[in-house]
Amino acid sequence: MNVLVIGNGGREHAVIQALKKSPKVTKLYAMKGNAGIAKDAELVNVDYCNVKAVGDWVDQKGDIDFTVVTPDDPLALGLVDELESRGHRAFGPKKNAAIIEASKAFSKELMKKYGIPTASYETFDDYALAVEYVKKCNIPVVLKADGLALGKGVLICKTREEALQGLAEMMLDQKFGSAGNKVVVEEFLEGPEVSCLAFTDGKTIKPMITSCDHKRALDNDEGLNTGGMGTFSPAPFFGEKSAKEVMEKIMQPTVSAMNAEGRPFKGVLYFGLMKTKDGYKVIEYNARFGDPETQVILPMLKTDLLEIFEAIVDERLNEVEIEWEKGACVCLVLASGGYPEKYEKGKEIVIGDLDKDVILCHAGTAEKDGRLVTSGGRVLGVCAKGEDVEAARNKVYANAEKICFDGMYYRKDIGIKYREIAKE
């Protein structure tokens, strides 16, 4: 089969590396890809947010058997709908289901309507009313841009002044563009966080192994929110009791709720959860693989990924047994100086002799005049497996020292947090 993967980041590189293992795959294409993906797939220079242009290219190519749509924007724009309307097989939720990520207000209202545990909240599209509410609400408070904001549209405000400033940045200054025209003001929850991703065909739900993301730019979860500075898997505190609670109170009710709303969800559903004193609560939904969660989850997958994707499209996921490797995996993101704010591109990347079992997921990389250079804020993901998180972590950091580019920085504490929390 000829398979097209939509996207150009570390997540897409991880997906492509997993698909390469499938005996069913004849050739891989990537739209638009990056310098690392170019080693594993043929790059296609088409704007994947122009759904008609993507459909036209697939039509003209004539031999694409399957398309995997991974980023949030083309999903929200209806790329899967467009491809299916032209008779092509495509993996990912349709536009009316991808709204679960594309609109924070929609997802909060869904949870409220169907009794899915989440933080209390209010939604505002009027700046003055939002200010009036924030002047009186409990602090700390969380502000969320309603729309898609590259994983950065969330502000945790520890003071009332920070909250008021955040509202102005979102709603007046348009810091996150039109995503901030509507804002969700949410109760601040406390507890360890876990990313629980699941494959679903709208009927059957098969959870993946858990992972823990590190959103803040700096050590000890300080600094600005980013798209993710590193991950490790599995979450040390998440055992069978947690898995049962999350399936019964969150995963199954969410899939059932989407069906009841006439928005059946087929694809990867991401549950960003917090373990509070009152049990697990949903922080956010994503309508696709997370980044950089995918970089620690897929290396542990033993089952053929394409087989899973096809089963989801055909609504026969119940027929597939999904197996995972034992042990752990860690991903460390190497970022450009200045990220997540302003940063320079075009810095030459020098990669030394990495250990053979280290996995390198390219994100913001490009080739220029035969040299590997930076082209984004998150540049590379250094990933490694081990018998436990500590072993994987040691391997990742030892190999990160063999990579350099001007301004490169990374967190030194990926994989450390939650050690003290006992697994049930």
Protein backbone atom coordinates (compact mmCIF):
# COMPACT_ATOMS: atom_id res chain seq x y z
CA MET A 1 0.00 0.00 0.00
CA ASN A 2 1.08 3.57 -0.69
CA VAL A 3 0.43 5.68 2.41
CA LEU A 4 0.34 9.48 2.73
CA VAL A 5 0.98 11.04 6.16
CA ILE A 6 -0.18 14.62 6.68
CA GLY A 7 2.03 16.80 8.89
CA ASN A 8 5.61 17.91 9.42
CA GLY A 9 6.54 17.52 13.08
CA GLY A 10 8.06 15.07 15.52
CA ARG A 11 4.71 13.33 15.96
CA GLU A 12 4.48 12.69 12.23
CA HIS A 13 8.05 11.38 12.14
CA ALA A 14 7.17 8.94 14.92
CA VAL A 15 4.05 7.83 13.01
CA ILE A 16 6.08 7.35 9.81
CA GLN A 17 8.77 5.38 11.65
CA ALA A 18 6.05 3.08 13.03
CA LEU A 19 4.36 2.68 9.63
CA LYS A 20 7.73 1.79 8.05
CA LYS A 21 7.67 -1.40 10.11
CA SER A 22 4.42 -2.55 8.50
CA PRO A 23 4.83 -5.24 5.82
CA LYS A 24 1.71 -3.77 4.18
CA VAL A 25 3.43 -0.45 3.36
CA THR A 26 4.98 -0.22 -0.10
CA LYS A 27 5.81 3.49 -0.12
CA LEU A 28 5.37 6.43 2.26
CA TYR A 29 4.64 10.03 1.31
CA ALA A 30 4.64 13.00 3.71
CA MET A 31 2.95 16.37 3.31
CA LYS A 32 4.97 18.53 4.01
CA GLY A 33 7.40 16.60 6.17
CA ASN A 34 10.83 17.77 7.33
CA ALA A 35 14.50 16.88 6.80
CA GLY A 36 14.31 13.76 8.96
CA ILE A 37 11.04 12.56 7.49
CA ALA A 38 12.63 12.99 4.03
CA LYS A 39 14.89 10.02 4.84
CA ASP A 40 11.84 7.80 5.38
CA ALA A 41 9.22 9.17 2.97
CA GLU A 42 8.87 11.17 -0.24
CA LEU A 43 7.98 14.77 0.60
CA VAL A 44 4.99 16.47 -1.00
CA ASN A 45 4.99 20.29 -1.03
CA VAL A 46 1.27 21.03 -0.70
CA ASP A 47 -0.38 23.19 2.01
CA TYR A 48 -2.22 20.56 4.03
CA CYS A 49 -4.59 23.17 5.46
CA ASN A 50 -5.93 23.71 1.94
CA VAL A 51 -8.20 20.67 1.97
CA LYS A 52 -9.22 21.04 -1.67
CA ALA A 53 -5.58 21.19 -2.80
CA VAL A 54 -4.81 18.03 -0.81
CA GLY A 55 -7.79 16.26 -2.34
CA ASP A 56 -6.73 17.39 -5.82
CA TRP A 57 -3.19 16.07 -5.27
CA VAL A 58 -4.42 12.67 -4.05
CA ASP A 59 -6.79 12.49 -7.03
CA GLN A 60 -4.02 13.36 -9.49
CA LYS A 61 -1.48 11.01 -7.89
CA GLY A 62 -3.92 8.18 -8.38
CA ASP A 63 -2.10 5.52 -6.33
CA ILE A 64 -2.47 6.68 -2.72
CA ASP A 65 -4.23 3.82 -0.94
CA PHE A 66 -4.49 5.35 2.53
CA THR A 67 -4.02 8.81 4.11
CA VAL A 68 -3.23 9.45 7.78
CA VAL A 69 -4.26 12.93 8.94
CA THR A 70 -2.43 13.76 12.17
CA PRO A 71 -2.38 17.54 12.88
CA ASP A 72 -5.30 19.33 14.52
CA ASP A 73 -5.80 22.09 11.93
CA PRO A 74 -6.55 19.94 8.85
CA LEU A 75 -8.79 17.70 10.98
CA ALA A 76 -10.76 20.72 12.18
CA LEU A 77 -10.96 21.99 8.59
CA GLY A 78 -12.49 18.71 7.40
CA LEU A 79 -9.66 17.08 5.46
CA VAL A 80 -10.90 13.58 6.28
CA ASP A 81 -14.40 14.54 5.04
CA GLU A 82 -12.89 15.95 1.82
CA LEU A 83 -10.85 12.83 1.08
CA GLU A 84 -13.69 10.44 1.86
CA SER A 85 -16.08 12.46 -0.34
CA ARG A 86 -13.67 11.79 -3.22
CA GLY A 87 -13.61 8.06 -2.51
CA HIS A 88 -10.28 7.90 -0.67
CA ARG A 89 -9.59 6.03 2.57
CA ALA A 90 -8.42 8.37 5.34
CA PHE A 91 -7.64 7.95 9.03
CA GLY A 92 -8.78 10.58 11.53
CA PRO A 93 -12.03 12.06 12.86
CA LYS A 94 -14.36 13.98 10.58
CA LYS A 95 -14.80 17.73 11.05
CA ASN A 96 -17.91 17.42 13.20
CA ALA A 97 -16.03 15.12 15.62
CA ALA A 98 -12.71 17.02 15.57
CA ILE A 99 -14.60 19.91 17.21
CA ILE A 100 -13.95 18.14 20.51
CA GLU A 101 -10.47 19.69 20.28
CA ALA A 102 -11.17 22.62 17.95
CA SER A 103 -13.54 24.25 20.46
CA LYS A 104 -12.79 24.22 24.19
CA ALA A 105 -16.28 25.62 24.79
CA PHE A 106 -17.85 22.69 22.93
CA SER A 107 -15.85 20.11 24.87
CA LYS A 108 -16.64 21.70 28.24
CA GLU A 109 -20.35 21.84 27.40
CA LEU A 110 -20.23 18.19 26.28
CA MET A 111 -18.70 17.12 29.58
CA LYS A 112 -21.21 19.14 31.57
CA LYS A 113 -24.18 17.71 29.62
CA TYR A 114 -23.06 14.08 29.96
CA GLY A 115 -21.62 14.19 33.49
CA ILE A 116 -17.99 13.64 32.51
CA PRO A 117 -15.76 14.88 35.37
CA THR A 118 -13.93 18.13 34.63
CA ALA A 119 -13.12 21.46 36.26
CA SER A 120 -15.96 23.95 36.77
CA TYR A 121 -15.87 26.77 34.23
CA GLU A 122 -17.49 29.78 32.56
CA THR A 123 -17.22 30.73 28.88
CA PHE A 124 -16.99 34.31 27.58
CA ASP A 125 -16.93 36.01 24.20
CA ASP A 126 -17.42 39.45 25.79
CA TYR A 127 -14.20 40.90 27.23
CA ALA A 128 -15.93 43.17 29.77
CA LEU A 129 -17.99 40.30 31.20
CA ALA A 130 -14.88 38.09 31.39
CA VAL A 131 -13.03 40.82 33.32
CA GLU A 132 -15.95 41.23 35.71
CA TYR A 133 -15.94 37.47 36.40
CA VAL A 134 -12.17 37.20 36.86
CA LYS A 135 -12.21 40.08 39.36
CA LYS A 136 -14.36 37.93 41.67
CA CYS A 137 -13.48 34.28 40.92
CA ASN A 138 -11.18 32.04 42.95
CA ILE A 139 -7.45 32.32 42.25
CA PRO A 140 -5.40 30.54 40.83
CA VAL A 141 -7.46 30.26 37.66
CA VAL A 142 -6.91 28.77 34.20
CA LEU A 143 -7.62 30.66 30.97
CA LYS A 144 -8.09 28.68 27.76
CA ALA A 145 -8.43 30.07 24.25
CA ASP A 146 -11.48 28.39 22.74
CA GLY A 147 -9.86 27.56 19.39
CA LEU A 148 -6.67 25.85 18.23
CA ALA A 149 -3.45 27.55 19.36
CA LEU A 150 -0.66 25.03 18.69
CA GLY A 151 -0.94 23.69 22.24
CA LYS A 152 -0.04 27.07 23.73
CA GLY A 153 -3.46 28.64 24.30
CA VAL A 154 -3.62 27.84 28.02
CA LEU A 155 -2.56 30.24 30.77
CA ILE A 156 -2.31 29.20 34.42
CA CYS A 157 -2.71 32.45 36.35
CA LYS A 158 -1.51 32.44 39.94
CA THR A 159 -2.63 36.01 40.70
CA ARG A 160 -5.66 38.11 39.73
CA GLU A 161 -3.34 40.53 37.96
CA GLU A 162 -1.95 37.71 35.80
CA ALA A 163 -5.49 36.59 34.96
CA LEU A 164 -6.59 40.08 33.90
CA GLN A 165 -3.43 40.50 31.83
CA GLY A 166 -4.01 37.09 30.25
CA LEU A 167 -7.57 38.01 29.28
CA ALA A 168 -6.34 41.20 27.62
CA GLU A 169 -3.64 39.28 25.71
CA MET A 170 -6.12 36.68 24.49
CA MET A 171 -9.21 38.74 23.75
CA LEU A 172 -7.83 42.19 22.92
CA ASP A 173 -4.25 41.68 21.73
CA GLN A 174 -5.19 38.47 19.87
CA LYS A 175 -2.06 36.69 21.15
CA PHE A 176 -3.49 33.41 19.85
CA GLY A 177 -5.29 34.94 16.88
CA SER A 178 -8.99 34.20 16.44
CA ALA A 179 -8.62 31.24 18.84
CA GLY A 180 -8.94 33.75 21.69
CA ASN A 181 -12.17 35.40 20.52
CA LYS A 182 -13.91 33.16 23.02
CA VAL A 183 -12.24 32.22 26.31
CA VAL A 184 -12.95 29.49 28.86
CA VAL A 185 -12.22 30.56 32.45
CA GLU A 186 -11.68 27.37 34.40
CA GLU A 187 -11.22 26.24 37.98
CA PHE A 188 -7.60 25.48 38.85
CA LEU A 189 -7.16 21.79 39.67
CA GLU A 190 -4.28 20.22 41.57
CA GLY A 191 -2.73 16.79 41.19
CA PRO A 192 -0.49 14.75 38.88
CA GLU A 193 -1.28 14.92 35.15
CA VAL A 194 -1.37 12.02 32.72
CA SER A 195 -1.97 11.73 28.98
CA CYS A 196 -4.29 8.82 28.16
CA LEU A 197 -4.63 8.23 24.42
CA ALA A 198 -7.00 5.69 22.95
CA PHE A 199 -7.75 4.18 19.56
CA THR A 200 -11.48 4.16 18.84
CA ASP A 201 -13.70 3.36 15.88
CA GLY A 202 -16.70 5.00 17.55
CA LYS A 203 -17.75 1.70 19.14
CA THR A 204 -14.69 -0.06 20.54
CA ILE A 205 -12.12 1.79 22.67
CA LYS A 206 -8.58 0.48 23.07
CA PRO A 207 -6.39 2.60 25.38
CA MET A 208 -2.70 3.04 24.63
CA ILE A 209 0.02 3.02 27.27
CA THR A 210 0.01 6.17 29.41
CA SER A 211 2.51 9.03 29.27
CA CYS A 212 3.36 12.26 31.08
CA ASP A 213 4.04 15.49 29.19
CA HIS A 214 6.12 18.49 30.30
CA LYS A 215 4.48 21.63 28.92
CA ARG A 216 6.55 24.35 30.58
CA ALA A 217 9.71 25.59 28.90
CA LEU A 218 11.98 25.39 31.95
CA ASP A 219 12.95 22.92 34.67
CA ASN A 220 10.62 22.39 37.63
CA ASP A 221 7.65 23.26 35.39
CA GLU A 222 8.58 26.93 35.25
CA GLY A 223 8.55 29.34 32.32
CA LEU A 224 6.07 29.70 29.48
CA ASN A 225 3.70 27.06 28.17
CA THR A 226 5.00 25.24 25.08
CA GLY A 227 3.81 22.52 22.73
CA GLY A 228 5.69 20.08 24.98
CA MET A 229 9.35 19.84 26.05
CA GLY A 230 9.48 16.11 26.70
CA THR A 231 7.56 13.03 27.74
CA PHE A 232 7.97 9.73 29.48
CA SER A 233 5.92 6.55 29.50
CA PRO A 234 4.33 4.96 31.42
CA ALA A 235 2.91 7.25 34.13
CA PRO A 236 4.32 5.79 37.38
CA PHE A 237 1.14 6.28 39.42
CA PHE A 238 -1.36 4.90 36.87
CA GLY A 239 -2.35 1.30 37.59
CA GLU A 240 -5.32 -1.01 37.01
CA LYS A 241 -7.56 0.91 39.41
CA SER A 242 -6.91 4.15 37.53
CA ALA A 243 -7.41 2.46 34.17
CA LYS A 244 -10.81 1.10 35.27
CA GLU A 245 -11.95 4.48 36.63
CA VAL A 246 -10.86 6.37 33.51
CA MET A 247 -12.51 3.89 31.14
CA GLU A 248 -15.81 3.81 33.04
CA LYS A 249 -16.14 7.48 33.97
CA ILE A 250 -14.35 9.27 31.12
CA MET A 251 -13.41 7.31 28.00
CA GLN A 252 -16.59 5.31 27.40
CA PRO A 253 -18.91 8.20 28.37
CA THR A 254 -17.05 10.53 25.98
CA VAL A 255 -17.30 8.21 22.99
CA SER A 256 -20.97 7.52 23.84
CA ALA A 257 -21.63 11.27 24.20
CA MET A 258 -20.15 12.01 20.78
CA ASN A 259 -22.34 9.28 19.27
CA ALA A 260 -25.41 10.72 21.01
CA GLU A 261 -24.57 14.15 19.57
CA GLY A 262 -24.40 12.71 16.05
CA ARG A 263 -20.63 13.21 15.97
CA PRO A 264 -19.17 9.67 16.00
CA PHE A 265 -15.44 9.81 16.70
CA LYS A 266 -13.12 7.52 14.72
CA GLY A 267 -9.39 7.93 15.21
CA VAL A 268 -7.13 8.72 18.15
CA LEU A 269 -8.84 10.41 21.08
CA TYR A 270 -6.47 12.06 23.55
CA PHE A 271 -7.55 12.52 27.15
CA GLY A 272 -5.45 15.00 29.12
CA LEU A 273 -6.30 14.07 32.72
CA MET A 274 -5.52 15.16 36.26
CA LYS A 275 -5.72 12.88 39.28
CA THR A 276 -7.41 15.09 41.87
CA LYS A 277 -8.55 14.35 45.42
CA ASP A 278 -11.99 13.74 43.87
CA GLY A 279 -10.74 11.33 41.22
CA TYR A 280 -9.64 11.78 37.61
CA LYS A 281 -10.89 14.85 35.75
CA VAL A 282 -10.52 15.90 32.11
CA ILE A 283 -8.24 18.88 31.52
CA GLU A 284 -8.49 18.72 27.74
CA TYR A 285 -9.35 16.56 24.77
CA ASN A 286 -7.31 16.32 21.60
CA ALA A 287 -8.66 14.78 18.40
CA ARG A 288 -5.34 13.17 17.41
CA PHE A 289 -2.00 11.82 18.60
CA GLY A 290 -0.25 14.13 21.04
CA ASP A 291 3.17 15.67 20.45
CA PRO A 292 5.53 14.63 22.02
CA GLU A 293 3.46 11.82 23.58
CA THR A 294 3.45 9.90 20.29
CA GLN A 295 7.25 9.79 20.35
CA VAL A 296 7.21 7.63 23.52
CA ILE A 297 4.06 5.62 22.80
CA LEU A 298 4.58 4.30 19.26
CA PRO A 299 8.12 2.94 19.85
CA MET A 300 6.50 0.61 22.43
CA LEU A 301 3.80 -0.64 20.02
CA LYS A 302 4.25 -4.24 18.87
CA THR A 303 1.12 -4.44 16.69
CA ASP A 304 1.15 -3.26 13.06
CA LEU A 305 0.05 0.42 13.20
CA LEU A 306 -1.43 0.38 9.69
CA GLU A 307 -3.51 -2.65 10.64
CA ILE A 308 -4.94 -0.65 13.57
CA PHE A 309 -5.64 2.38 11.36
CA GLU A 310 -7.47 0.26 8.77
CA ALA A 311 -9.53 -1.48 11.45
CA ILE A 312 -10.65 1.91 12.80
CA VAL A 313 -11.67 3.16 9.37
CA ASP A 314 -13.61 -0.09 8.77
CA GLU A 315 -15.14 -0.03 12.30
CA ARG A 316 -13.72 -3.45 13.25
CA LEU A 317 -11.26 -2.41 15.95
CA ASN A 318 -12.74 -5.13 18.18
CA GLU A 319 -11.04 -7.69 15.91
CA VAL A 320 -7.51 -6.35 16.52
CA GLU A 321 -5.41 -7.38 19.52
CA ILE A 322 -3.07 -4.49 20.37
CA GLU A 323 0.17 -5.46 22.11
CA TRP A 324 2.79 -3.29 23.81
CA GLU A 325 6.40 -3.81 24.82
CA LYS A 326 7.26 -3.89 28.49
CA GLY A 327 9.56 -1.24 29.93
CA ALA A 328 9.61 2.51 29.45
CA CYS A 329 10.38 5.22 26.92
CA VAL A 330 11.54 8.83 27.28
CA CYS A 331 11.56 11.69 24.77
CA LEU A 332 13.59 14.88 25.27
CA VAL A 333 12.84 17.89 23.05
CA LEU A 334 15.78 19.98 21.87
CA ALA A 335 14.48 23.49 21.25
CA SER A 336 15.61 26.73 19.62
CA GLY A 337 16.73 29.54 21.94
CA GLY A 338 13.80 31.86 22.55
CA TYR A 339 11.09 29.25 21.99
CA PRO A 340 8.11 29.41 22.61
CA GLU A 341 8.44 33.09 21.75
CA LYS A 342 10.74 34.56 19.09
CA TYR A 343 13.63 32.41 17.86
CA GLU A 344 15.98 32.32 14.90
CA LYS A 345 15.90 29.66 12.19
CA GLY A 346 18.60 28.33 9.89
CA LYS A 347 21.07 27.25 12.59
CA GLU A 348 23.23 24.32 11.49
CA ILE A 349 22.59 21.12 13.42
CA VAL A 350 25.51 18.81 14.18
CA ILE A 351 24.63 15.25 15.21
CA GLY A 352 27.35 13.03 16.60
CA ASP A 353 27.51 9.24 16.75
CA LEU A 354 24.32 8.33 18.59
CA ASP A 355 23.70 4.95 20.20
CA LYS A 356 22.12 2.58 17.67
CA ASP A 357 18.96 2.07 19.71
CA VAL A 358 18.28 5.79 20.15
CA ILE A 359 15.34 7.08 18.09
CA LEU A 360 15.60 10.59 16.66
CA CYS A 361 12.30 12.25 15.77
CA HIS A 362 12.80 15.33 13.61
CA ALA A 363 10.40 18.24 14.15
CA GLY A 364 11.66 21.71 13.14
CA THR A 365 14.41 20.65 10.73
CA ALA A 366 15.18 21.41 7.07
CA GLU A 367 17.97 20.85 4.59
CA LYS A 368 19.74 23.91 3.17
CA ASP A 369 22.72 23.71 0.82
CA GLY A 370 23.30 20.12 1.91
CA ARG A 371 23.31 21.02 5.61
CA LEU A 372 20.80 20.09 8.30
CA VAL A 373 19.42 23.32 9.82
CA THR A 374 16.73 24.40 12.29
CA SER A 375 13.37 25.49 10.93
CA GLY A 376 11.15 25.57 14.03
CA GLY A 377 10.94 26.08 17.77
CA ARG A 378 10.97 22.41 18.72
CA VAL A 379 13.79 20.98 16.60
CA LEU A 380 14.46 17.35 17.56
CA GLY A 381 13.11 14.71 19.90
CA VAL A 382 15.72 12.37 21.34
CA CYS A 383 13.94 9.14 22.33
CA ALA A 384 15.11 5.96 24.00
CA LYS A 385 13.64 2.83 25.55
CA GLY A 386 14.79 1.13 28.74
CA GLU A 387 13.72 -1.37 31.36
CA ASP A 388 12.38 1.56 33.38
CA VAL A 389 12.06 5.34 33.07
CA GLU A 390 15.39 5.97 34.79
CA ALA A 391 17.32 3.74 32.36
CA ALA A 392 15.62 5.34 29.34
CA ARG A 393 16.19 8.80 30.79
CA ASN A 394 19.92 8.22 31.28
CA LYS A 395 20.30 7.05 27.68
CA VAL A 396 18.39 10.06 26.32
CA TYR A 397 20.48 12.63 28.17
CA ALA A 398 23.77 10.91 27.31
CA ASN A 399 22.87 11.11 23.61
CA ALA A 400 21.47 14.65 23.74
CA GLU A 401 25.00 15.79 24.59
CA LYS A 402 26.12 14.52 21.16
CA ILE A 403 23.83 17.01 19.35
CA CYS A 404 24.37 20.74 19.06
CA PHE A 405 23.16 23.86 17.28
CA ASP A 406 23.45 27.53 18.13
CA GLY A 407 20.99 28.48 20.88
CA MET A 408 19.93 24.90 21.62
CA TYR A 409 18.30 24.36 24.99
CA TYR A 410 16.40 21.57 26.73
CA ARG A 411 14.98 20.71 30.11
CA LYS A 412 17.19 18.68 32.46
CA ASP A 413 14.36 17.11 34.45
CA ILE A 414 12.28 15.08 31.99
CA GLY A 415 11.18 11.81 33.59
CA ILE A 416 11.78 12.80 37.20
CA LYS A 417 8.38 14.02 38.38
CA TYR A 418 5.79 11.80 40.07
CA ARG A 419 8.43 9.37 41.36
CA GLU A 420 7.20 9.91 44.89
CA ILE A 421 3.58 9.01 44.07
CA ALA A 422 2.85 5.40 44.90
CA LYS A 423 1.24 3.28 42.20
CA GLU A 424 -2.06 1.86 43.34
